[in-house]
């Protein structure tokens, strides 16, 4: 849908009464304002005003009026809401009063990165693999540290207590136009994973944000709590958000030479952008153990590496970045990865030789030669603040919000 008339027809036919106009702060936390269906024309024509000074990282304390302009292509019915007087959602562009796009809108930052890639003849696709824990609530509805089950990797029911939840989540996502590729129980007690097919970066980021919201909502309606934090249980596996990235040329074909240079660019800039891929202090407790990477390296199929090239019988080459976690803002993360990859292509960078060893067990004579991901959030913040690459693409107010840990 692209026009007000198409939207109005859909809303009338589907008995929609409330429209959630959704947007994100710089950390990727979804915000929204709800309007009645009768206010749709005003929203489409003029936008809906919000107080930008109340949003983390927006940096508009004095002239704080910002406006939400709905993106009709993102309209989706919320299947977990009542069918009588239905609720739908549209993501929005954030604008100044004169219609100029707001520079700290990370969705805009990603759109700009996609345009830059297209101008260079590069088309990048992303697919996310999101891990999360499901915890029980007590009789008063408070979150406990008791997982929904004690199952392990790819167990089945009755050990797997989340099978019905994942089914309900998958059905809801399909109704919203998002098709999960697969879902299963992960290694930790109560830990789940849902994977999605790749798509263009903006759609992939929209889907990632929608999936987290749907999972939280459906778990809450069943009396559970979905936890996307990187290390909810000490001594148990952390939760990551592995990103599958494929690089296509102007013809739409996966190009191995472009892919190799793109990967080299990510490896070159990964340390300075880790703050945005792993924004929490607990993110760094996950690194270097239980299939989470520690070193800046790559190899084919090897899950101890930062980047692995998965086996694909079709012969199509993609890369899997294994360091991000689900606390990351997908819009900003995807944008920075695109810019890093484009730098690799532009500068003709070459990745080091693949390191086909198990880095969790490797001798120090091997690991001492490798760069490490930041040891903690403080190091990651320092690297980001000192990076000319980061400052080129991340607005000042946004960067300052990330550096200040109290904002996260």
Protein backbone atom coordinates (compact mmCIF):
# COMPACT_ATOMS: atom_id res chain seq x y z
CA UNK A 1 0.00 0.00 0.00
CA UNK A 2 1.27 3.43 -0.92
CA UNK A 3 -1.62 5.90 -0.83
CA UNK A 4 -4.04 7.21 1.76
CA UNK A 5 -6.97 5.85 -0.25
CA UNK A 6 -5.54 2.31 -0.23
CA UNK A 7 -4.89 2.52 3.49
CA UNK A 8 -8.38 3.83 4.20
CA UNK A 9 -9.98 0.98 2.24
CA UNK A 10 -7.88 -1.59 4.10
CA UNK A 11 -8.66 -0.08 7.50
CA UNK A 12 -12.39 -0.06 6.81
CA UNK A 13 -12.41 -3.63 5.47
CA UNK A 14 -10.37 -4.97 8.39
CA UNK A 15 -12.29 -3.08 11.10
CA UNK A 16 -9.16 -1.26 12.29
CA UNK A 17 -9.84 1.38 14.95
CA UNK A 18 -6.36 2.07 16.37
CA UNK A 19 -3.14 2.74 14.49
CA UNK A 20 0.18 2.55 16.29
CA UNK A 21 2.71 4.89 14.74
CA UNK A 22 6.02 3.27 15.69
CA UNK A 23 9.57 4.61 15.70
CA UNK A 24 12.83 3.94 17.57
CA UNK A 25 15.25 5.69 19.87
CA UNK A 26 18.96 5.43 19.02
CA UNK A 27 19.26 2.14 20.93
CA UNK A 28 16.55 0.53 18.82
CA UNK A 29 13.93 0.57 21.56
CA UNK A 30 10.53 0.79 19.92
CA UNK A 31 8.28 3.70 20.80
CA UNK A 32 4.82 4.47 19.51
CA UNK A 33 1.89 6.81 19.65
CA UNK A 34 -1.60 5.45 18.97
CA UNK A 35 -4.14 7.37 16.90
CA UNK A 36 -7.71 6.58 15.98
CA UNK A 37 -8.40 5.60 12.38
CA UNK A 38 -10.03 8.96 11.77
CA UNK A 39 -6.68 10.69 12.36
CA UNK A 40 -4.93 8.78 9.59
CA UNK A 41 -5.32 11.49 6.96
CA UNK A 42 -3.73 14.10 9.27
CA UNK A 43 -0.88 11.70 10.05
CA UNK A 44 -0.24 11.04 6.36
CA UNK A 45 -0.52 14.68 5.30
CA UNK A 46 1.17 16.53 8.17
CA UNK A 47 2.65 13.96 10.52
CA UNK A 48 2.01 13.50 14.24
CA UNK A 49 4.02 15.60 16.67
CA UNK A 50 6.27 14.08 19.35
CA UNK A 51 8.61 15.56 21.97
CA UNK A 52 12.09 14.72 20.69
CA UNK A 53 13.73 15.92 23.89
CA UNK A 54 12.21 12.95 25.75
CA UNK A 55 13.86 10.38 23.46
CA UNK A 56 17.30 8.95 24.22
CA UNK A 57 20.03 10.17 21.90
CA UNK A 58 17.94 12.58 19.84
CA UNK A 59 19.74 15.66 21.18
CA UNK A 60 16.98 18.18 20.43
CA UNK A 61 16.52 19.83 23.82
CA UNK A 62 15.61 23.34 22.58
CA UNK A 63 13.69 22.90 19.34
CA UNK A 64 12.20 19.59 20.32
CA UNK A 65 9.16 19.30 18.02
CA UNK A 66 9.54 16.33 15.69
CA UNK A 67 6.92 14.72 13.47
CA UNK A 68 6.16 11.09 12.63
CA UNK A 69 5.35 10.42 8.97
CA UNK A 70 3.90 6.88 8.52
CA UNK A 71 5.46 4.53 5.98
CA UNK A 72 2.40 2.81 4.42
CA UNK A 73 4.45 -0.13 3.14
CA UNK A 74 5.03 -1.27 6.75
CA UNK A 75 1.38 -1.56 7.77
CA UNK A 76 0.62 -4.77 9.67
CA UNK A 77 -2.28 -5.98 11.80
CA UNK A 78 -1.29 -6.99 15.34
CA UNK A 79 -2.68 -10.54 15.59
CA UNK A 80 -2.35 -10.70 19.39
CA UNK A 81 -4.76 -7.76 19.80
CA UNK A 82 -8.60 -8.07 19.78
CA UNK A 83 -10.28 -8.72 16.43
CA UNK A 84 -13.16 -6.39 17.29
CA UNK A 85 -11.71 -2.93 16.86
CA UNK A 86 -8.40 -4.14 15.49
CA UNK A 87 -5.00 -2.56 15.98
CA UNK A 88 -2.42 -2.08 13.25
CA UNK A 89 1.11 -0.71 13.19
CA UNK A 90 3.10 1.39 10.77
CA UNK A 91 6.75 2.34 11.12
CA UNK A 92 7.40 6.04 10.64
CA UNK A 93 10.02 8.38 9.28
CA UNK A 94 10.99 11.12 11.76
CA UNK A 95 11.03 14.66 10.40
CA UNK A 96 11.62 18.24 11.46
CA UNK A 97 8.62 20.60 11.18
CA UNK A 98 9.75 21.65 7.69
CA UNK A 99 9.70 18.01 6.50
CA UNK A 100 13.47 17.51 6.55
CA UNK A 101 14.38 14.01 7.68
CA UNK A 102 15.80 13.83 11.21
CA UNK A 103 19.48 12.85 11.18
CA UNK A 104 19.35 10.79 14.42
CA UNK A 105 16.60 8.52 13.11
CA UNK A 106 18.57 5.29 12.78
CA UNK A 107 16.08 3.96 10.22
CA UNK A 108 17.07 6.93 8.04
CA UNK A 109 20.76 6.20 8.69
CA UNK A 110 20.22 2.67 7.35
CA UNK A 111 18.32 3.95 4.31
CA UNK A 112 21.23 6.27 3.54
CA UNK A 113 23.67 3.36 3.81
CA UNK A 114 21.57 1.31 1.37
CA UNK A 115 21.59 4.21 -1.12
CA UNK A 116 25.36 4.54 -0.77
CA UNK A 117 25.78 0.83 -1.46
CA UNK A 118 23.49 1.00 -4.48
CA UNK A 119 25.51 3.90 -5.90
CA UNK A 120 28.59 1.68 -5.60
CA UNK A 121 26.83 -1.16 -7.43
CA UNK A 122 26.41 -3.27 -4.29
CA UNK A 123 23.23 -4.82 -2.91
CA UNK A 124 23.49 -6.28 0.60
CA UNK A 125 21.02 -8.72 2.16
CA UNK A 126 20.67 -9.51 5.87
CA UNK A 127 19.12 -12.41 7.73
CA UNK A 128 19.04 -12.61 11.53
CA UNK A 129 19.15 -15.54 13.94
CA UNK A 130 17.78 -14.36 17.27
CA UNK A 131 18.32 -16.18 20.55
CA UNK A 132 16.35 -15.42 23.70
CA UNK A 133 15.38 -16.95 27.03
CA UNK A 134 11.85 -17.51 28.30
CA UNK A 135 11.31 -17.13 32.05
CA UNK A 136 8.30 -17.87 34.24
CA UNK A 137 6.41 -15.27 36.24
CA UNK A 138 5.24 -15.74 39.81
CA UNK A 139 1.61 -15.68 40.99
CA UNK A 140 1.69 -11.87 41.11
CA UNK A 141 3.05 -11.54 37.58
CA UNK A 142 6.61 -10.65 38.54
CA UNK A 143 9.48 -12.01 36.44
CA UNK A 144 11.49 -14.81 38.04
CA UNK A 145 14.85 -16.34 37.12
CA UNK A 146 13.17 -19.73 36.58
CA UNK A 147 13.35 -20.79 32.91
CA UNK A 148 10.33 -22.30 31.21
CA UNK A 149 12.19 -25.63 30.96
CA UNK A 150 15.53 -27.41 31.49
CA UNK A 151 15.88 -28.62 27.91
CA UNK A 152 18.97 -28.42 25.71
CA UNK A 153 19.92 -28.02 22.07
CA UNK A 154 17.10 -29.01 19.69
CA UNK A 155 15.32 -31.10 22.34
CA UNK A 156 11.65 -31.91 21.74
CA UNK A 157 8.64 -31.85 24.00
CA UNK A 158 7.98 -32.71 26.77
CA UNK A 159 11.55 -31.61 27.60
CA UNK A 160 11.11 -28.56 25.37
CA UNK A 161 8.60 -26.35 27.16
CA UNK A 162 8.63 -23.65 24.51
CA UNK A 163 7.41 -25.59 21.49
CA UNK A 164 3.84 -24.25 21.66
CA UNK A 165 5.09 -20.72 22.27
CA UNK A 166 7.32 -20.85 19.19
CA UNK A 167 4.40 -22.20 17.17
CA UNK A 168 2.14 -19.34 18.31
CA UNK A 169 4.90 -16.82 17.60
CA UNK A 170 5.45 -18.24 14.11
CA UNK A 171 1.73 -18.11 13.29
CA UNK A 172 1.52 -14.50 14.47
CA UNK A 173 4.55 -13.47 12.42
CA UNK A 174 3.15 -15.10 9.29
CA UNK A 175 -0.03 -13.05 9.77
CA UNK A 176 2.18 -9.95 9.88
CA UNK A 177 3.89 -10.91 6.63
CA UNK A 178 7.09 -12.31 8.18
CA UNK A 179 7.90 -15.97 7.52
CA UNK A 180 10.26 -17.69 9.98
CA UNK A 181 12.75 -20.00 8.30
CA UNK A 182 13.13 -22.27 11.34
CA UNK A 183 12.84 -22.35 15.13
CA UNK A 184 14.23 -24.63 17.81
CA UNK A 185 15.33 -24.93 21.41
CA UNK A 186 18.85 -23.65 22.04
CA UNK A 187 21.56 -24.88 24.43
CA UNK A 188 20.50 -23.03 27.57
CA UNK A 189 17.52 -23.90 29.81
CA UNK A 190 14.53 -22.03 28.44
CA UNK A 191 16.63 -20.65 25.56
CA UNK A 192 15.03 -20.43 22.12
CA UNK A 193 16.09 -19.44 18.61
CA UNK A 194 14.05 -18.25 15.64
CA UNK A 195 15.72 -17.68 12.27
CA UNK A 196 14.52 -15.68 9.27
CA UNK A 197 15.20 -15.61 5.55
CA UNK A 198 17.35 -12.80 4.29
CA UNK A 199 15.90 -9.63 2.80
CA UNK A 200 16.93 -6.09 2.00
CA UNK A 201 18.50 -4.26 4.98
CA UNK A 202 15.55 -2.01 5.89
CA UNK A 203 13.01 -4.83 5.68
CA UNK A 204 15.35 -7.10 7.64
CA UNK A 205 15.74 -4.47 10.38
CA UNK A 206 11.97 -3.84 10.43
CA UNK A 207 11.38 -7.58 10.73
CA UNK A 208 13.96 -7.98 13.49
CA UNK A 209 12.29 -5.23 15.50
CA UNK A 210 8.82 -6.64 14.86
CA UNK A 211 9.89 -10.16 15.84
CA UNK A 212 11.25 -9.01 19.22
CA UNK A 213 8.02 -7.13 19.91
CA UNK A 214 5.83 -10.07 18.86
CA UNK A 215 7.83 -12.54 20.96
CA UNK A 216 7.63 -10.34 24.05
CA UNK A 217 3.89 -9.73 23.57
CA UNK A 218 2.97 -13.37 22.97
CA UNK A 219 5.13 -14.61 25.85
CA UNK A 220 3.55 -12.01 28.14
CA UNK A 221 0.03 -13.08 27.15
CA UNK A 222 0.97 -16.66 28.10
CA UNK A 223 2.30 -15.61 31.50
CA UNK A 224 5.98 -15.70 30.54
CA UNK A 225 8.78 -13.20 30.01
CA UNK A 226 11.01 -13.14 26.92
CA UNK A 227 14.53 -11.99 27.75
CA UNK A 228 16.77 -10.82 24.88
CA UNK A 229 19.65 -9.73 27.10
CA UNK A 230 23.07 -11.19 26.18
CA UNK A 231 23.76 -13.06 29.42
CA UNK A 232 20.63 -13.56 31.55
CA UNK A 233 21.98 -16.57 33.47
CA UNK A 234 25.55 -16.78 34.71
CA UNK A 235 27.27 -20.02 33.79
CA UNK A 236 24.80 -20.68 30.98
CA UNK A 237 25.04 -19.87 27.27
CA UNK A 238 24.61 -16.24 26.29
CA UNK A 239 22.17 -15.11 23.63
CA UNK A 240 23.44 -13.73 20.36
CA UNK A 241 21.95 -12.36 17.16
CA UNK A 242 24.00 -13.95 14.41
CA UNK A 243 23.77 -11.99 11.17
CA UNK A 244 23.90 -13.69 7.78
CA UNK A 245 25.10 -11.28 5.11
CA UNK A 246 25.19 -11.80 1.35
CA UNK A 247 26.70 -9.34 -1.10
CA UNK A 248 25.25 -9.01 -4.61
CA UNK A 249 26.47 -7.14 -7.66
CA UNK A 250 24.47 -4.90 -10.02
CA UNK A 251 22.98 -7.96 -11.72
CA UNK A 252 21.67 -9.27 -8.40
CA UNK A 253 24.17 -12.14 -8.37
CA UNK A 254 26.20 -13.07 -5.28
CA UNK A 255 29.74 -11.96 -6.04
CA UNK A 256 32.57 -13.80 -4.26
CA UNK A 257 35.16 -11.11 -4.92
CA UNK A 258 32.86 -8.40 -3.52
CA UNK A 259 31.97 -10.66 -0.59
CA UNK A 260 35.64 -11.23 0.31
CA UNK A 261 36.40 -7.47 0.24
CA UNK A 262 33.21 -6.74 2.17
CA UNK A 263 34.24 -9.24 4.85
CA UNK A 264 37.70 -7.72 5.01
CA UNK A 265 36.13 -4.31 5.63
CA UNK A 266 34.07 -5.67 8.51
CA UNK A 267 37.12 -7.36 10.04
CA UNK A 268 39.05 -4.08 9.69
CA UNK A 269 36.42 -1.97 11.49
CA UNK A 270 34.77 -4.48 13.83
CA UNK A 271 36.54 -3.37 17.02
CA UNK A 272 35.47 0.27 16.66
CA UNK A 273 31.81 -0.58 15.91
CA UNK A 274 31.43 -3.31 18.55
CA UNK A 275 29.85 -0.80 20.97
CA UNK A 276 26.82 -0.62 18.67
CA UNK A 277 26.62 -4.36 18.03
CA UNK A 278 27.01 -5.13 21.74
CA UNK A 279 25.70 -2.16 23.74
CA UNK A 280 25.43 -3.66 27.23
CA UNK A 281 28.10 -4.34 29.84
CA UNK A 282 26.86 -7.95 29.98
CA UNK A 283 27.45 -8.28 26.23
CA UNK A 284 31.16 -8.68 26.92
CA UNK A 285 30.63 -11.50 29.42
CA UNK A 286 29.39 -13.57 26.48
CA UNK A 287 32.54 -13.25 24.37
CA UNK A 288 35.03 -16.11 24.18
CA UNK A 289 32.88 -18.92 25.51
CA UNK A 290 30.00 -21.20 24.53
CA UNK A 291 30.23 -20.45 20.77
CA UNK A 292 30.60 -16.68 21.15
CA UNK A 293 33.73 -15.24 19.48
CA UNK A 294 36.66 -13.49 21.14
CA UNK A 295 39.13 -12.89 18.31
CA UNK A 296 39.01 -11.00 15.02
CA UNK A 297 39.28 -13.94 12.64
CA UNK A 298 37.33 -15.98 10.12
CA UNK A 299 37.08 -19.47 8.65
CA UNK A 300 34.72 -21.73 6.76
CA UNK A 301 32.04 -23.45 8.89
CA UNK A 302 34.04 -22.94 12.12
CA UNK A 303 31.79 -21.64 14.93
CA UNK A 304 34.66 -20.46 17.12
CA UNK A 305 35.40 -17.60 14.70
CA UNK A 306 34.06 -14.05 14.55
CA UNK A 307 32.99 -14.63 10.94
CA UNK A 308 32.29 -18.01 9.45
CA UNK A 309 31.39 -18.90 5.90
CA UNK A 310 28.61 -21.50 6.23
CA UNK A 311 28.51 -24.55 4.00
CA UNK A 312 25.94 -24.07 1.23
CA UNK A 313 25.28 -26.91 -1.26
CA UNK A 314 24.00 -24.33 -3.77
CA UNK A 315 27.45 -22.76 -3.92
CA UNK A 316 26.23 -19.30 -2.95
CA UNK A 317 28.70 -17.64 -0.61
CA UNK A 318 27.52 -15.71 2.42
CA UNK A 319 29.13 -14.71 5.68
CA UNK A 320 27.83 -15.12 9.21
CA UNK A 321 28.87 -12.51 11.78
CA UNK A 322 28.64 -14.10 15.23
CA UNK A 323 29.44 -11.29 17.66
CA UNK A 324 26.22 -9.16 17.75
CA UNK A 325 23.54 -9.73 20.36
CA UNK A 326 19.84 -8.93 20.28
CA UNK A 327 20.33 -5.79 22.38
CA UNK A 328 21.74 -4.12 19.27
CA UNK A 329 19.74 -1.58 17.28
CA UNK A 330 19.40 -3.45 13.95
CA UNK A 331 19.09 -0.24 11.91
CA UNK A 332 22.31 1.28 13.19
CA UNK A 333 24.13 -2.08 13.24
CA UNK A 334 23.23 -2.94 9.65
CA UNK A 335 24.18 0.57 8.50
CA UNK A 336 27.63 0.43 10.10
CA UNK A 337 28.28 -3.06 8.73
CA UNK A 338 27.34 -1.87 5.24
CA UNK A 339 29.67 1.13 5.49
CA UNK A 340 32.48 -1.08 6.85
CA UNK A 341 32.00 -3.56 4.01
CA UNK A 342 31.91 -0.80 1.41
CA UNK A 343 35.18 0.56 2.83
CA UNK A 344 36.69 -2.87 2.28
CA UNK A 345 35.51 -2.88 -1.36
CA UNK A 346 36.57 0.72 -2.00
CA UNK A 347 40.03 0.24 -0.48
CA UNK A 348 40.60 -3.18 -2.02
CA UNK A 349 41.11 -4.81 1.39
CA UNK A 350 41.94 -8.48 1.65
CA UNK A 351 40.98 -10.66 4.58
CA UNK A 352 43.72 -12.60 6.37
CA UNK A 353 44.06 -16.31 5.70
CA UNK A 354 41.24 -18.38 7.25
CA UNK A 355 42.11 -19.77 10.66
CA UNK A 356 40.83 -23.32 10.71
CA UNK A 357 41.39 -24.09 14.39
CA UNK A 358 39.13 -24.26 17.43
CA UNK A 359 39.92 -20.94 19.08
CA UNK A 360 38.36 -22.03 22.39
CA UNK A 361 41.12 -24.64 22.70
CA UNK A 362 43.91 -23.07 20.64
CA UNK A 363 47.39 -22.56 22.09
CA UNK A 364 48.49 -19.05 23.02
CA UNK A 365 51.05 -19.18 20.23
CA UNK A 366 48.04 -18.95 17.90
CA UNK A 367 45.76 -16.57 19.80
CA UNK A 368 48.47 -14.10 20.86
CA UNK A 369 48.87 -13.12 17.22
CA UNK A 370 45.20 -12.21 16.83
CA UNK A 371 43.36 -8.98 17.54
CA UNK A 372 40.67 -9.33 20.18
CA UNK A 373 37.19 -7.90 20.36
CA UNK A 374 36.94 -5.31 23.16
CA UNK A 375 37.35 -6.87 26.60
CA UNK A 376 34.57 -4.76 28.13
CA UNK A 377 32.13 -1.99 27.38
CA UNK A 378 34.56 0.71 28.50
CA UNK A 379 37.10 -0.37 25.89
CA UNK A 380 34.40 -0.58 23.22
CA UNK A 381 33.22 2.96 24.07
CA UNK A 382 36.77 4.29 23.89
CA UNK A 383 37.38 2.69 20.52
CA UNK A 384 34.11 4.10 19.15
CA UNK A 385 34.76 7.60 20.48
CA UNK A 386 38.25 7.67 18.94
CA UNK A 387 37.12 6.32 15.57
CA UNK A 388 36.98 8.64 12.58
CA UNK A 389 34.98 5.93 10.79
CA UNK A 390 32.30 5.95 13.50
CA UNK A 391 32.14 9.74 13.66
CA UNK A 392 31.63 9.87 9.90
CA UNK A 393 28.43 7.83 10.06
CA UNK A 394 27.04 8.13 13.61
CA UNK A 395 25.56 11.54 14.56
CA UNK A 396 27.21 13.22 17.52
CA UNK A 397 24.18 13.05 19.83
CA UNK A 398 23.72 9.37 19.03
CA UNK A 399 27.37 8.56 19.70
CA UNK A 400 27.35 10.46 22.97
CA UNK A 401 24.28 8.52 24.12
CA UNK A 402 26.05 5.22 23.46
CA UNK A 403 29.23 6.29 25.22
CA UNK A 404 27.22 7.27 28.33
CA UNK A 405 26.40 3.83 29.77
CA UNK A 406 23.64 5.31 31.94
CA UNK A 407 21.63 6.10 28.79
CA UNK A 408 21.53 2.49 27.55
